[in-house]
Amino acid sequence: MKILPITPYNNNTAVNSGKHNQFRAFEFKNSNLAPLTKDCVTFCGKRKKPEAEEAVEDYSKAKDLDSADMSGKIPYRMGMDINKDCQDDLVKLMADLKKGLKNITESDTNPDLPVLRGQFGIHGRVKKPESILQKVPPRKLRQKKEVLKMGDVIGVRIVLKSSSQKDFALVFRELGKMVSSGKLRVLEVENYRMSPKESYVSKRTLDAFELVCHKANQYPEISSKTRESGYTAIHMTVDLGNGKLGEIQLMGRDMERVKDIEDFFYKKRSSKDFDAKYKPIEDMMNRVMGKTKKDKETGEISYEKLDNFQVATLDRYIRDSYAHAREIPPRHPKRVDAGKGYFLPIPYSLPQELDFDNLQKMKDICDYRSNKQFVI
């Protein structure tokens, strides 16, 4: 069966009109991780074994199967074991949250409740082995038990259909009940926002939640932080009670859609590998942006095929995309109903393939092909 290649979508000239190129006056710098070595496979002569395969062999021969080597890298097999060991913990955490938030989750009889129903409202994942391997070296973790305490190996996201502080206060009230009953043990709460005014949760709500935790003999570290990218969400680190930690993210539907696309830019500037199913997107970004470069002295990021003006414009475009999403009315959770103009159009000075709407369309195609499991 022949599959046609994905052709990047380009916006028409109306999309690139001057009014869409107005940005707020601010500066934006991206944080980065050290470049990571990618696997290499040759297609001529004898095939070179990818690092993943060699790691599995090394792991099977190692005397201490729970330790990293002296370079700080953990074996691929250990990443596989961690992923497998955490699956049941993810299922339990999601089940506890669904039960605990049942009274504020929308249904046919109560469609106005804040938490989206089904897979749109509460969903989770365990980090894949490849992602675990990339996270470990910068943190200098050597033991399996240390990796399990990274915090975000197990992650659950709670998505609200609105962005009002009133609705988020309802979620924290129900989470507080779970804390009081012993169903939830909170270690840290990070409130990311563009500004105090644009925060999903008020200081009053956080103070009330902290008081509930103290009464349950829990003393989480609660902080509010400004993210220059415009990312807005609440991240909560929880103790799963078996030597493992998990992360609960709370955000509005407006933020989730933009974050899913912005993650591609994050992986690009951090030199992280994309999920295999999103290779067409990775290839496109490599083609139009070139290699990622980091200045050793300043830490600033640049790209081989983008000039300084374009890099600054791209940073502003990402931040304004987050702000734009917060300003439009809530819509149906399904992406096909997002409506024209959901994403902020990209300025004409940037490669049009990087437009959020184009990336969303490419992502939808990749997801569709992956779900259908096409065989060539």
Foldseek 3Di string as FASTA:
>chain_A
DDDDDDDFDFDDPVQQDPVLLDFDDDFDFDAAADADDAFDWDDDDDTDDTQLVVLVVVLVPDPDNFWDDPQQFHRLVLLVVLQVVCPVVLVLVQVLLCVLCVVQEADPVRNPRWADDDCLFKDWGADHSQVLRVPGNVVSDTGSLVSLAPQARIEMEGATLAQAQVNVLVSLVSVLVCLLVVNWAWAEKEWEAQDQVRTSHHPVSVVVSQVSNVVSVHHHHYDYDYHSLGQGWMWIWTDSPPSGIHIYIYYYLLRVLLVVLVVVVRCQQRNHDDDPLLVSVVVVCCVQFNHWDADPPPRGIGTPNDDPVQVRLVSRQSNVQSVLSNPDRGDDSDPVGCDPPNGRQRHPVGPSSSGSVSSVVSVVVSVVCVVVVDDD
